[in-house]
């Protein structure tokens, strides 16, 4: 070992302990990186892939159920469709009559304004 520039035994002891701690820290960091790359990351990726497969499979089943339900609704009797169209027609006729009634009353006011001039 080389001679220390410090003549203080306490400073030499602390410097030696810090040097040992730094060496142990470097070893621990190396071990951590090695373990992480060999075990933790691959296990996490496998878990993530399994989760994605499970979610895709459940999404596929849900989509198939929804398509079957839609197919069942399309095959329902046309009475529901006819009833909806009839209701829409009644509403449209009411809106038309309401608007045409307002237009007639507005036209009467326009005729009265023409007489005033």
PDB file of N, CA and C in Angstrom:
ATOM      1  N   UNK A   1       0.833  -1.156   0.000  1.00  0.00           N
ATOM      2  CA  UNK A   1       0.000   0.000   0.000  1.00  0.00           C
ATOM      3  C   UNK A   1       0.890   1.234   0.000  1.00  0.00           C
ATOM      4  N   UNK A   2       0.457   2.253  -0.744  1.00  0.00           N
ATOM      5  CA  UNK A   2       1.266   3.458  -0.834  1.00  0.00           C
ATOM      6  C   UNK A   2       1.117   4.271   0.447  1.00  0.00           C
ATOM      7  N   UNK A   3       2.076   5.080   0.678  1.00  0.00           N
ATOM      8  CA  UNK A   3       2.061   5.907   1.883  1.00  0.00           C
ATOM      9  C   UNK A   3       1.019   6.989   1.729  1.00  0.00           C
ATOM     10  N   UNK A   4       0.253   7.215   2.767  1.00  0.00           N
ATOM     11  CA  UNK A   4      -0.812   8.203   2.751  1.00  0.00           C
ATOM     12  C   UNK A   4      -0.227   9.576   3.014  1.00  0.00           C
ATOM     13  N   UNK A   5      -0.760  10.609   2.342  1.00  0.00           N
ATOM     14  CA  UNK A   5      -0.256  11.949   2.588  1.00  0.00           C
ATOM     15  C   UNK A   5      -0.710  12.491   3.944  1.00  0.00           C
ATOM     16  N   UNK A   6      -1.706  11.803   4.565  1.00  0.00           N
ATOM     17  CA  UNK A   6      -2.195  12.262   5.865  1.00  0.00           C
ATOM     18  C   UNK A   6      -1.384  11.614   6.980  1.00  0.00           C
ATOM     19  N   UNK A   7      -1.022  12.386   7.954  1.00  0.00           N
ATOM     20  CA  UNK A   7      -0.316  11.864   9.099  1.00  0.00           C
ATOM     21  C   UNK A   7      -1.291  11.540  10.225  1.00  0.00           C
ATOM     22  N   UNK A   8      -2.565  11.888  10.024  1.00  0.00           N
ATOM     23  CA  UNK A   8      -3.593  11.677  11.034  1.00  0.00           C
ATOM     24  C   UNK A   8      -4.148  10.265  10.909  1.00  0.00           C
ATOM     25  N   UNK A   9      -4.045   9.429  11.955  1.00  0.00           N
ATOM     26  CA  UNK A   9      -4.539   8.054  11.867  1.00  0.00           C
ATOM     27  C   UNK A   9      -6.060   8.004  11.676  1.00  0.00           C
ATOM     28  N   UNK A  10      -6.812   8.926  12.260  1.00  0.00           N
ATOM     29  CA  UNK A  10      -8.285   8.938  12.104  1.00  0.00           C
ATOM     30  C   UNK A  10      -8.662   9.244  10.654  1.00  0.00           C
ATOM     31  N   UNK A  11      -7.987  10.197  10.026  1.00  0.00           N
ATOM     32  CA  UNK A  11      -8.247  10.514   8.625  1.00  0.00           C
ATOM     33  C   UNK A  11      -7.908   9.325   7.741  1.00  0.00           C
ATOM     34  N   UNK A  12      -6.825   8.636   8.027  1.00  0.00           N
ATOM     35  CA  UNK A  12      -6.435   7.442   7.255  1.00  0.00           C
ATOM     36  C   UNK A  12      -7.482   6.349   7.400  1.00  0.00           C
ATOM     37  N   UNK A  13      -8.020   6.172   8.612  1.00  0.00           N
ATOM     38  CA  UNK A  13      -9.037   5.152   8.851  1.00  0.00           C
ATOM     39  C   UNK A  13     -10.320   5.488   8.074  1.00  0.00           C
ATOM     40  N   UNK A  14     -10.735   6.746   8.133  1.00  0.00           N
ATOM     41  CA  UNK A  14     -11.939   7.156   7.405  1.00  0.00           C
ATOM     42  C   UNK A  14     -11.757   7.021   5.899  1.00  0.00           C
ATOM     43  N   UNK A  15     -10.588   7.382   5.386  1.00  0.00           N
ATOM     44  CA  UNK A  15     -10.308   7.258   3.959  1.00  0.00           C
ATOM     45  C   UNK A  15     -10.352   5.807   3.525  1.00  0.00           C
ATOM     46  N   UNK A  16      -9.842   4.910   4.362  1.00  0.00           N
ATOM     47  CA  UNK A  16      -9.861   3.482   4.055  1.00  0.00           C
ATOM     48  C   UNK A  16     -11.301   2.963   4.041  1.00  0.00           C
ATOM     49  N   UNK A  17     -12.111   3.386   5.012  1.00  0.00           N
ATOM     50  CA  UNK A  17     -13.511   2.938   5.066  1.00  0.00           C
ATOM     51  C   UNK A  17     -14.296   3.449   3.863  1.00  0.00           C
ATOM     52  N   UNK A  18     -14.083   4.700   3.456  1.00  0.00           N
ATOM     53  CA  UNK A  18     -14.771   5.258   2.289  1.00  0.00           C
ATOM     54  C   UNK A  18     -14.361   4.497   1.031  1.00  0.00           C
ATOM     55  N   UNK A  19     -13.098   4.184   0.925  1.00  0.00           N
ATOM     56  CA  UNK A  19     -12.610   3.419  -0.230  1.00  0.00           C
ATOM     57  C   UNK A  19     -13.277   2.053  -0.282  1.00  0.00           C
ATOM     58  N   UNK A  20     -13.396   1.377   0.879  1.00  0.00           N
ATOM     59  CA  UNK A  20     -14.065   0.067   0.922  1.00  0.00           C
ATOM     60  C   UNK A  20     -15.550   0.210   0.567  1.00  0.00           C
ATOM     61  N   UNK A  21     -16.186   1.264   1.081  1.00  0.00           N
ATOM     62  CA  UNK A  21     -17.609   1.480   0.780  1.00  0.00           C
ATOM     63  C   UNK A  21     -17.837   1.727  -0.705  1.00  0.00           C
ATOM     64  N   UNK A  22     -16.953   2.499  -1.321  1.00  0.00           N
ATOM     65  CA  UNK A  22     -17.079   2.758  -2.757  1.00  0.00           C
ATOM     66  C   UNK A  22     -16.893   1.466  -3.542  1.00  0.00           C
ATOM     67  N   UNK A  23     -15.963   0.636  -3.146  1.00  0.00           N
ATOM     68  CA  UNK A  23     -15.754  -0.656  -3.823  1.00  0.00           C
ATOM     69  C   UNK A  23     -16.986  -1.541  -3.692  1.00  0.00           C
ATOM     70  N   UNK A  24     -17.548  -1.606  -2.476  1.00  0.00           N
ATOM     71  CA  UNK A  24     -18.755  -2.412  -2.268  1.00  0.00           C
ATOM     72  C   UNK A  24     -19.934  -1.846  -3.057  1.00  0.00           C
ATOM     73  N   UNK A  25     -20.038  -0.528  -3.109  1.00  0.00           N
ATOM     74  CA  UNK A  25     -21.113   0.099  -3.880  1.00  0.00           C
ATOM     75  C   UNK A  25     -20.995  -0.235  -5.359  1.00  0.00           C
ATOM     76  N   UNK A  26     -19.798  -0.194  -5.901  1.00  0.00           N
ATOM     77  CA  UNK A  26     -19.594  -0.554  -7.310  1.00  0.00           C
ATOM     78  C   UNK A  26     -19.985  -2.001  -7.550  1.00  0.00           C
ATOM     79  N   UNK A  27     -19.642  -2.893  -6.625  1.00  0.00           N
ATOM     80  CA  UNK A  27     -20.020  -4.306  -6.771  1.00  0.00           C
ATOM     81  C   UNK A  27     -21.538  -4.464  -6.706  1.00  0.00           C
ATOM     82  N   UNK A  28     -22.166  -3.767  -5.762  1.00  0.00           N
ATOM     83  CA  UNK A  28     -23.624  -3.868  -5.621  1.00  0.00           C
ATOM     84  C   UNK A  28     -24.348  -3.331  -6.855  1.00  0.00           C
ATOM     85  N   UNK A  29     -23.850  -2.244  -7.412  1.00  0.00           N
ATOM     86  CA  UNK A  29     -24.465  -1.702  -8.629  1.00  0.00           C
ATOM     87  C   UNK A  29     -24.327  -2.694  -9.775  1.00  0.00           C
ATOM     88  N   UNK A  30     -23.161  -3.293  -9.902  1.00  0.00           N
ATOM     89  CA  UNK A  30     -22.960  -4.317 -10.939  1.00  0.00           C
ATOM     90  C   UNK A  30     -23.892  -5.498 -10.746  1.00  0.00           C
ATOM     91  N   UNK A  31     -24.028  -5.964  -9.493  1.00  0.00           N
ATOM     92  CA  UNK A  31     -24.931  -7.084  -9.207  1.00  0.00           C
ATOM     93  C   UNK A  31     -26.389  -6.712  -9.495  1.00  0.00           C
ATOM     94  N   UNK A  32     -26.758  -5.496  -9.137  1.00  0.00           N
ATOM     95  CA  UNK A  32     -28.126  -5.034  -9.393  1.00  0.00           C
ATOM     96  C   UNK A  32     -28.421  -4.994 -10.886  1.00  0.00           C
ATOM     97  N   UNK A  33     -27.525  -4.414 -11.655  1.00  0.00           N
ATOM     98  CA  UNK A  33     -27.733  -4.351 -13.108  1.00  0.00           C
ATOM     99  C   UNK A  33     -27.785  -5.745 -13.719  1.00  0.00           C
ATOM    100  N   UNK A  34     -26.904  -6.623 -13.273  1.00  0.00           N
ATOM    101  CA  UNK A  34     -26.872  -7.985 -13.792  1.00  0.00           C
ATOM    102  C   UNK A  34     -28.184  -8.715 -13.473  1.00  0.00           C
ATOM    103  N   UNK A  35     -28.635  -8.624 -12.229  1.00  0.00           N
ATOM    104  CA  UNK A  35     -29.872  -9.297 -11.835  1.00  0.00           C
ATOM    105  C   UNK A  35     -31.074  -8.717 -12.579  1.00  0.00           C
ATOM    106  N   UNK A  36     -31.090  -7.401 -12.715  1.00  0.00           N
ATOM    107  CA  UNK A  36     -32.211  -6.748 -13.394  1.00  0.00           C
ATOM    108  C   UNK A  36     -32.304  -7.178 -14.851  1.00  0.00           C
ATOM    109  N   UNK A  37     -31.163  -7.207 -15.536  1.00  0.00           N
ATOM    110  CA  UNK A  37     -31.205  -7.572 -16.957  1.00  0.00           C
ATOM    111  C   UNK A  37     -31.466  -9.051 -17.172  1.00  0.00           C
ATOM    112  N   UNK A  38     -31.079  -9.895 -16.229  1.00  0.00           N
ATOM    113  CA  UNK A  38     -31.267 -11.351 -16.412  1.00  0.00           C
ATOM    114  C   UNK A  38     -32.600 -11.851 -15.894  1.00  0.00           C
ATOM    115  N   UNK A  39     -33.136 -11.222 -14.834  1.00  0.00           N
ATOM    116  CA  UNK A  39     -34.328 -11.789 -14.196  1.00  0.00           C
ATOM    117  C   UNK A  39     -35.524 -10.835 -14.173  1.00  0.00           C
ATOM    118  N   UNK A  40     -35.326  -9.636 -13.686  1.00  0.00           N
ATOM    119  CA  UNK A  40     -36.458  -8.739 -13.457  1.00  0.00           C
ATOM    120  C   UNK A  40     -37.110  -8.286 -14.759  1.00  0.00           C
ATOM    121  N   UNK A  41     -36.309  -7.796 -15.703  1.00  0.00           N
ATOM    122  CA  UNK A  41     -36.878  -7.312 -16.967  1.00  0.00           C
ATOM    123  C   UNK A  41     -37.557  -8.421 -17.770  1.00  0.00           C
ATOM    124  N   UNK A  42     -36.938  -9.582 -17.949  1.00  0.00           N
ATOM    125  CA  UNK A  42     -37.637 -10.637 -18.700  1.00  0.00           C
ATOM    126  C   UNK A  42     -38.936 -11.086 -18.018  1.00  0.00           C
ATOM    127  N   UNK A  43     -38.922 -11.179 -16.687  1.00  0.00           N
ATOM    128  CA  UNK A  43     -40.145 -11.584 -15.990  1.00  0.00           C
ATOM    129  C   UNK A  43     -41.228 -10.510 -16.154  1.00  0.00           C
ATOM    130  N   UNK A  44     -40.840  -9.246 -16.084  1.00  0.00           N
ATOM    131  CA  UNK A  44     -41.799  -8.161 -16.282  1.00  0.00           C
ATOM    132  C   UNK A  44     -42.363  -8.161 -17.691  1.00  0.00           C
ATOM    133  N   UNK A  45     -41.507  -8.413 -18.667  1.00  0.00           N
ATOM    134  CA  UNK A  45     -41.980  -8.451 -20.055  1.00  0.00           C
ATOM    135  C   UNK A  45     -42.923  -9.626 -20.269  1.00  0.00           C
ATOM    136  N   UNK A  46     -42.614 -10.758 -19.657  1.00  0.00           N
ATOM    137  CA  UNK A  46     -43.517 -11.913 -19.773  1.00  0.00           C
ATOM    138  C   UNK A  46     -44.871 -11.590 -19.143  1.00  0.00           C
ATOM    139  N   UNK A  47     -44.852 -10.947 -17.988  1.00  0.00           N
ATOM    140  CA  UNK A  47     -46.101 -10.567 -17.338  1.00  0.00           C
ATOM    141  C   UNK A  47     -46.898  -9.582 -18.174  1.00  0.00           C
ATOM    142  N   UNK A  48     -46.205  -8.624 -18.768  1.00  0.00           N
ATOM    143  CA  UNK A  48     -46.868  -7.641 -19.624  1.00  0.00           C
ATOM    144  C   UNK A  48     -47.461  -8.309 -20.863  1.00  0.00           C
ATOM    145  N   UNK A  49     -46.716  -9.228 -21.453  1.00  0.00           N
ATOM    146  CA  UNK A  49     -47.218  -9.938 -22.636  1.00  0.00           C
ATOM    147  C   UNK A  49     -48.423 -10.805 -22.276  1.00  0.00           C
ATOM    148  N   UNK A  50     -48.371 -11.475 -21.129  1.00  0.00           N
ATOM    149  CA  UNK A  50     -49.506 -12.295 -20.708  1.00  0.00           C
ATOM    150  C   UNK A  50     -50.735 -11.434 -20.455  1.00  0.00           C
ATOM    151  N   UNK A  51     -50.532 -10.286 -19.841  1.00  0.00           N
ATOM    152  CA  UNK A  51     -51.644  -9.370 -19.591  1.00  0.00           C
ATOM    153  C   UNK A  51     -52.250  -8.880 -20.906  1.00  0.00           C
ATOM    154  N   UNK A  52     -51.395  -8.546 -21.861  1.00  0.00           N
ATOM    155  CA  UNK A  52     -51.890  -8.087 -23.166  1.00  0.00           C
ATOM    156  C   UNK A  52     -52.669  -9.192 -23.870  1.00  0.00           C
ATOM    157  N   UNK A  53     -52.167 -10.430 -23.816  1.00  0.00           N
ATOM    158  CA  UNK A  53     -52.881 -11.545 -24.447  1.00  0.00           C
ATOM    159  C   UNK A  53     -54.246 -11.749 -23.805  1.00  0.00           C
ATOM    160  N   UNK A  54     -54.288 -11.676 -22.480  1.00  0.00           N
ATOM    161  CA  UNK A  54     -55.544 -11.870 -21.767  1.00  0.00           C
ATOM    162  C   UNK A  54     -56.540 -10.783 -22.125  1.00  0.00           C
ATOM    163  N   UNK A  55     -56.078  -9.542 -22.156  1.00  0.00           N
ATOM    164  CA  UNK A  55     -56.983  -8.430 -22.477  1.00  0.00           C
ATOM    165  C   UNK A  55     -57.455  -8.500 -23.923  1.00  0.00           C
ATOM    166  N   UNK A  56     -56.573  -8.896 -24.831  1.00  0.00           N
ATOM    167  CA  UNK A  56     -56.994  -9.037 -26.230  1.00  0.00           C
ATOM    168  C   UNK A  56     -58.034 -10.143 -26.379  1.00  0.00           C
ATOM    169  N   UNK A  57     -57.829 -11.238 -25.662  1.00  0.00           N
ATOM    170  CA  UNK A  57     -58.781 -12.346 -25.735  1.00  0.00           C
ATOM    171  C   UNK A  57     -60.128 -11.928 -25.166  1.00  0.00           C
ATOM    172  N   UNK A  58     -60.130 -11.208 -24.044  1.00  0.00           N
ATOM    173  CA  UNK A  58     -61.405 -10.777 -23.473  1.00  0.00           C
ATOM    174  C   UNK A  58     -62.076  -9.744 -24.375  1.00  0.00           C
ATOM    175  N   UNK A  59     -61.296  -8.877 -25.015  1.00  0.00           N
ATOM    176  CA  UNK A  59     -61.858  -7.919 -25.968  1.00  0.00           C
ATOM    177  C   UNK A  59     -62.465  -8.619 -27.167  1.00  0.00           C
ATOM    178  N   UNK A  60     -61.827  -9.686 -27.607  1.00  0.00           N
ATOM    179  CA  UNK A  60     -62.348 -10.464 -28.739  1.00  0.00           C
ATOM    180  C   UNK A  60     -63.690 -11.099 -28.373  1.00  0.00           C
ATOM    181  N   UNK A  61     -63.777 -11.656 -27.170  1.00  0.00           N
ATOM    182  CA  UNK A  61     -65.037 -12.259 -26.730  1.00  0.00           C
ATOM    183  C   UNK A  61     -66.136 -11.209 -26.591  1.00  0.00           C
ATOM    184  N   UNK A  62     -65.796 -10.059 -26.032  1.00  0.00           N
ATOM    185  CA  UNK A  62     -66.780  -8.980 -25.871  1.00  0.00           C
ATOM    186  C   UNK A  62     -67.287  -8.509 -27.231  1.00  0.00           C
ATOM    187  N   UNK A  63     -66.374  -8.340 -28.182  1.00  0.00           N
ATOM    188  CA  UNK A  63     -66.759  -7.901 -29.523  1.00  0.00           C
ATOM    189  C   UNK A  63     -67.662  -8.935 -30.195  1.00  0.00           C
ATOM    190  N   UNK A  64     -67.337 -10.216 -30.032  1.00  0.00           N
ATOM    191  CA  UNK A  64     -68.161 -11.268 -30.622  1.00  0.00           C
ATOM    192  C   UNK A  64     -69.567 -11.247 -30.019  1.00  0.00           C
ATOM    193  N   UNK A  65     -69.663 -11.030 -28.703  1.00  0.00           N
ATOM    194  CA  UNK A  65     -70.978 -10.949 -28.063  1.00  0.00           C
ATOM    195  C   UNK A  65     -71.772  -9.763 -28.594  1.00  0.00           C
ATOM    196  N   UNK A  66     -71.116  -8.625 -28.749  1.00  0.00           N
ATOM    197  CA  UNK A  66     -71.806  -7.430 -29.236  1.00  0.00           C
ATOM    198  C   UNK A  66     -72.285  -7.623 -30.677  1.00  0.00           C
ATOM    199  N   UNK A  67     -71.467  -8.272 -31.507  1.00  0.00           N
ATOM    200  CA  UNK A  67     -71.886  -8.524 -32.893  1.00  0.00           C
ATOM    201  C   UNK A  67     -73.066  -9.485 -32.944  1.00  0.00           C
ATOM    202  N   UNK A  68     -73.045 -10.505 -32.065  1.00  0.00           N
ATOM    203  CA  UNK A  68     -74.184 -11.416 -32.022  1.00  0.00           C
ATOM    204  C   UNK A  68     -75.452 -10.681 -31.593  1.00  0.00           C
ATOM    205  N   UNK A  69     -75.316  -9.787 -30.637  1.00  0.00           N
ATOM    206  CA  UNK A  69     -76.481  -9.024 -30.176  1.00  0.00           C
ATOM    207  C   UNK A  69     -77.014  -8.118 -31.290  1.00  0.00           C
ATOM    208  N   UNK A  70     -76.116  -7.487 -32.043  1.00  0.00           N
ATOM    209  CA  UNK A  70     -76.547  -6.649 -33.166  1.00  0.00           C
ATOM    210  C   UNK A  70     -77.231  -7.480 -34.243  1.00  0.00           C
ATOM    211  N   UNK A  71     -76.702  -8.656 -34.497  1.00  0.00           N
ATOM    212  CA  UNK A  71     -77.308  -9.532 -35.492  1.00  0.00           C
ATOM    213  C   UNK A  71     -78.722  -9.907 -35.057  1.00  0.00           C
ATOM    214  N   UNK A  72     -78.909 -10.129 -33.763  1.00  0.00           N
ATOM    215  CA  UNK A  72     -80.235 -10.451 -33.250  1.00  0.00           C
ATOM    216  C   UNK A  72     -81.183  -9.279 -33.390  1.00  0.00           C
ATOM    217  N   UNK A  73     -80.688  -8.057 -33.227  1.00  0.00           N
ATOM    218  CA  UNK A  73     -81.549  -6.885 -33.367  1.00  0.00           C
ATOM    219  C   UNK A  73     -81.937  -6.649 -34.815  1.00  0.00           C
ATOM    220  N   UNK A  74     -81.061  -6.927 -35.748  1.00  0.00           N
ATOM    221  CA  UNK A  74     -81.373  -6.739 -37.162  1.00  0.00           C
ATOM    222  C   UNK A  74     -82.447  -7.725 -37.593  1.00  0.00           C
ATOM    223  N   UNK A  75     -82.430  -8.920 -37.015  1.00  0.00           N
ATOM    224  CA  UNK A  75     -83.416  -9.937 -37.387  1.00  0.00           C
ATOM    225  C   UNK A  75     -84.749  -9.759 -36.675  1.00  0.00           C
ATOM    226  N   UNK A  76     -84.912  -8.738 -35.852  1.00  0.00           N
ATOM    227  CA  UNK A  76     -86.185  -8.500 -35.175  1.00  0.00           C
ATOM    228  C   UNK A  76     -87.238  -8.089 -36.206  1.00  0.00           C
ATOM    229  N   UNK A  77     -88.505  -8.248 -35.848  1.00  0.00           N
ATOM    230  CA  UNK A  77     -89.563  -7.870 -36.794  1.00  0.00           C
ATOM    231  C   UNK A  77     -89.461  -6.395 -37.183  1.00  0.00           C
ATOM    232  N   UNK A  78     -89.969  -6.108 -38.334  1.00  0.00           N
ATOM    233  CA  UNK A  78     -89.868  -4.752 -38.858  1.00  0.00           C
ATOM    234  C   UNK A  78     -90.850  -3.807 -38.178  1.00  0.00           C
ATOM    235  N   UNK A  79     -91.691  -4.323 -37.281  1.00  0.00           N
ATOM    236  CA  UNK A  79     -92.675  -3.475 -36.611  1.00  0.00           C
ATOM    237  C   UNK A  79     -91.988  -2.362 -35.822  1.00  0.00           C
ATOM    238  N   UNK A  80     -90.877  -2.669 -35.188  1.00  0.00           N
ATOM    239  CA  UNK A  80     -90.160  -1.648 -34.432  1.00  0.00           C
ATOM    240  C   UNK A  80     -89.645  -0.566 -35.370  1.00  0.00           C
ATOM    241  N   UNK A  81     -89.128  -0.965 -36.520  1.00  0.00           N
ATOM    242  CA  UNK A  81     -88.615   0.006 -37.483  1.00  0.00           C
ATOM    243  C   UNK A  81     -89.759   0.856 -38.055  1.00  0.00           C
ATOM    244  N   UNK A  82     -90.873   0.209 -38.356  1.00  0.00           N
ATOM    245  CA  UNK A  82     -92.015   0.924 -38.907  1.00  0.00           C
ATOM    246  C   UNK A  82     -92.572   1.881 -37.857  1.00  0.00           C
ATOM    247  N   UNK A  83     -92.656   1.448 -36.622  1.00  0.00           N
ATOM    248  CA  UNK A  83     -93.140   2.312 -35.548  1.00  0.00           C
ATOM    249  C   UNK A  83     -92.242   3.527 -35.362  1.00  0.00           C
ATOM    250  N   UNK A  84     -90.941   3.329 -35.423  1.00  0.00           N
ATOM    251  CA  UNK A  84     -90.012   4.450 -35.304  1.00  0.00           C
ATOM    252  C   UNK A  84     -90.154   5.421 -36.461  1.00  0.00           C
ATOM    253  N   UNK A  85     -90.300   4.887 -37.667  1.00  0.00           N
ATOM    254  CA  UNK A  85     -90.464   5.756 -38.840  1.00  0.00           C
ATOM    255  C   UNK A  85     -91.776   6.526 -38.761  1.00  0.00           C
ATOM    256  N   UNK A  86     -92.837   5.864 -38.285  1.00  0.00           N
ATOM    257  CA  UNK A  86     -94.132   6.526 -38.136  1.00  0.00           C
ATOM    258  C   UNK A  86     -94.058   7.654 -37.112  1.00  0.00           C
ATOM    259  N   UNK A  87     -93.409   7.389 -35.988  1.00  0.00           N
ATOM    260  CA  UNK A  87     -93.237   8.414 -34.959  1.00  0.00           C
ATOM    261  C   UNK A  87     -92.437   9.592 -35.502  1.00  0.00           C
ATOM    262  N   UNK A  88     -91.391   9.309 -36.244  1.00  0.00           N
ATOM    263  CA  UNK A  88     -90.585  10.369 -36.854  1.00  0.00           C
ATOM    264  C   UNK A  88     -91.428  11.191 -37.821  1.00  0.00           C
ATOM    265  N   UNK A  89     -92.260  10.524 -38.612  1.00  0.00           N
ATOM    266  CA  UNK A  89     -93.133  11.218 -39.558  1.00  0.00           C
ATOM    267  C   UNK A  89     -94.125  12.123 -38.857  1.00  0.00           C
ATOM    268  N   UNK A  90     -94.708  11.657 -37.756  1.00  0.00           N
ATOM    269  CA  UNK A  90     -95.662  12.471 -37.005  1.00  0.00           C
ATOM    270  C   UNK A  90     -94.977  13.708 -36.442  1.00  0.00           C
ATOM    271  N   UNK A  91     -93.795  13.545 -35.905  1.00  0.00           N
ATOM    272  CA  UNK A  91     -93.048  14.682 -35.369  1.00  0.00           C
ATOM    273  C   UNK A  91     -92.708  15.669 -36.480  1.00  0.00           C
ATOM    274  N   UNK A  92     -92.257  15.147 -37.626  1.00  0.00           N
ATOM    275  CA  UNK A  92     -91.914  16.026 -38.745  1.00  0.00           C
ATOM    276  C   UNK A  92     -93.142  16.786 -39.237  1.00  0.00           C
ATOM    277  N   UNK A  93     -94.295  16.114 -39.303  1.00  0.00           N
ATOM    278  CA  UNK A  93     -95.528  16.793 -39.737  1.00  0.00           C
ATOM    279  C   UNK A  93     -95.917  17.881 -38.747  1.00  0.00           C
ATOM    280  N   UNK A  94     -95.772  17.612 -37.457  1.00  0.00           N
ATOM    281  CA  UNK A  94     -96.075  18.626 -36.453  1.00  0.00           C
ATOM    282  C   UNK A  94     -95.176  19.831 -36.578  1.00  0.00           C
ATOM    283  N   UNK A  95     -93.886  19.590 -36.803  1.00  0.00           N
ATOM    284  CA  UNK A  95     -92.948  20.703 -36.977  1.00  0.00           C
ATOM    285  C   UNK A  95     -93.311  21.500 -38.219  1.00  0.00           C
ATOM    286  N   UNK A  96     -93.665  20.819 -39.287  1.00  0.00           N
ATOM    287  CA  UNK A  96     -94.041  21.506 -40.532  1.00  0.00           C
ATOM    288  C   UNK A  96     -95.277  22.368 -40.325  1.00  0.00           C
ATOM    289  N   UNK A  97     -96.294  21.805 -39.688  1.00  0.00           N
ATOM    290  CA  UNK A  97     -97.530  22.566 -39.456  1.00  0.00           C
ATOM    291  C   UNK A  97     -97.276  23.750 -38.548  1.00  0.00           C
ATOM    292  N   UNK A  98     -96.450  23.565 -37.546  1.00  0.00           N
ATOM    293  CA  UNK A  98     -96.121  24.659 -36.633  1.00  0.00           C
ATOM    294  C   UNK A  98     -95.407  25.780 -37.388  1.00  0.00           C
ATOM    295  N   UNK A  99     -94.426  25.388 -38.201  1.00  0.00           N
ATOM    296  CA  UNK A  99     -93.676  26.399 -38.964  1.00  0.00           C
ATOM    297  C   UNK A  99     -94.562  27.069 -40.020  1.00  0.00           C
ATOM    298  N   UNK A 100     -95.389  26.313 -40.669  1.00  0.00           N
ATOM    299  CA  UNK A 100     -96.236  26.918 -41.704  1.00  0.00           C
ATOM    300  C   UNK A 100     -97.265  27.852 -41.072  1.00  0.00           C
ATOM    301  N   UNK A 101     -97.749  27.546 -39.895  1.00  0.00           N
ATOM    302  CA  UNK A 101     -98.672  28.435 -39.190  1.00  0.00           C
ATOM    303  C   UNK A 101     -97.973  29.722 -38.804  1.00  0.00           C
ATOM    304  N   UNK A 102     -96.732  29.673 -38.366  1.00  0.00           N
ATOM    305  CA  UNK A 102     -95.983  30.867 -38.004  1.00  0.00           C
ATOM    306  C   UNK A 102     -95.695  31.698 -39.252  1.00  0.00           C
ATOM    307  N   UNK A 103     -95.390  31.027 -40.326  1.00  0.00           N
ATOM    308  CA  UNK A 103     -95.079  31.764 -41.553  1.00  0.00           C
ATOM    309  C   UNK A 103     -96.304  32.531 -42.033  1.00  0.00           C
ATOM    310  N   UNK A 104     -97.503  31.933 -41.923  1.00  0.00           N
ATOM    311  CA  UNK A 104     -98.721  32.620 -42.341  1.00  0.00           C
ATOM    312  C   UNK A 104     -98.964  33.852 -41.479  1.00  0.00           C
ATOM    313  N   UNK A 105     -98.755  33.718 -40.184  1.00  0.00           N
ATOM    314  CA  UNK A 105     -98.990  34.877 -39.314  1.00  0.00           C
ATOM    315  C   UNK A 105     -97.951  35.953 -39.571  1.00  0.00           C
ATOM    316  N   UNK A 106     -96.730  35.593 -39.915  1.00  0.00           N
ATOM    317  CA  UNK A 106     -95.712  36.582 -40.247  1.00  0.00           C
ATOM    318  C   UNK A 106     -96.047  37.269 -41.572  1.00  0.00           C
ATOM    319  N   UNK A 107     -96.610  36.510 -42.493  1.00  0.00           N
ATOM    320  CA  UNK A 107     -96.967  37.082 -43.785  1.00  0.00           C
ATOM    321  C   UNK A 107     -98.087  38.106 -43.620  1.00  0.00           C
ATOM    322  N   UNK A 108     -99.018  37.872 -42.692  1.00  0.00           N
ATOM    323  CA  UNK A 108    -100.086  38.831 -42.451  1.00  0.00           C
ATOM    324  C   UNK A 108     -99.519  40.149 -41.959  1.00  0.00           C
ATOM    325  N   UNK A 109     -98.514  40.090 -41.086  1.00  0.00           N
ATOM    326  CA  UNK A 109     -97.871  41.304 -40.599  1.00  0.00           C
ATOM    327  C   UNK A 109     -97.157  42.033 -41.738  1.00  0.00           C
ATOM    328  N   UNK A 110     -96.556  41.266 -42.630  1.00  0.00           N
ATOM    329  CA  UNK A 110     -95.865  41.900 -43.757  1.00  0.00           C
ATOM    330  C   UNK A 110     -96.869  42.626 -44.650  1.00  0.00           C
ATOM    331  N   UNK A 111     -98.071  42.042 -44.866  1.00  0.00           N
ATOM    332  CA  UNK A 111     -99.099  42.694 -45.672  1.00  0.00           C
ATOM    333  C   UNK A 111     -99.577  43.972 -44.996  1.00  0.00           C
ATOM    334  N   UNK A 112     -99.709  43.938 -43.680  1.00  0.00           N
ATOM    335  CA  UNK A 112    -100.163  45.128 -42.952  1.00  0.00           C
ATOM    336  C   UNK A 112     -99.119  46.228 -43.049  1.00  0.00           C
ATOM    337  N   UNK A 113     -97.846  45.880 -43.032  1.00  0.00           N
ATOM    338  CA  UNK A 113     -96.787  46.881 -43.140  1.00  0.00           C
ATOM    339  C   UNK A 113     -96.802  47.518 -44.531  1.00  0.00           C
ATOM    340  N   UNK A 114     -97.175  46.738 -45.541  1.00  0.00           N
ATOM    341  CA  UNK A 114     -97.205  47.265 -46.890  1.00  0.00           C
ATOM    342  C   UNK A 114     -98.307  48.314 -47.054  1.00  0.00           C
ATOM    343  N   UNK A 115     -99.446  48.138 -46.321  1.00  0.00           N
ATOM    344  CA  UNK A 115    -100.562  49.076 -46.416  1.00  0.00           C
ATOM    345  C   UNK A 115    -100.261  50.411 -45.741  1.00  0.00           C
ATOM    346  N   UNK A 116     -99.369  50.387 -44.742  1.00  0.00           N
ATOM    347  CA  UNK A 116     -99.076  51.601 -43.987  1.00  0.00           C
ATOM    348  C   UNK A 116     -98.292  52.582 -44.845  1.00  0.00           C
ATOM    349  N   UNK A 117     -97.484  52.134 -45.697  1.00  0.00           N
ATOM    350  CA  UNK A 117     -96.632  53.018 -46.478  1.00  0.00           C
ATOM    351  C   UNK A 117     -97.445  53.804 -47.371  1.00  0.00           C
TER     352      UNK A 117
END
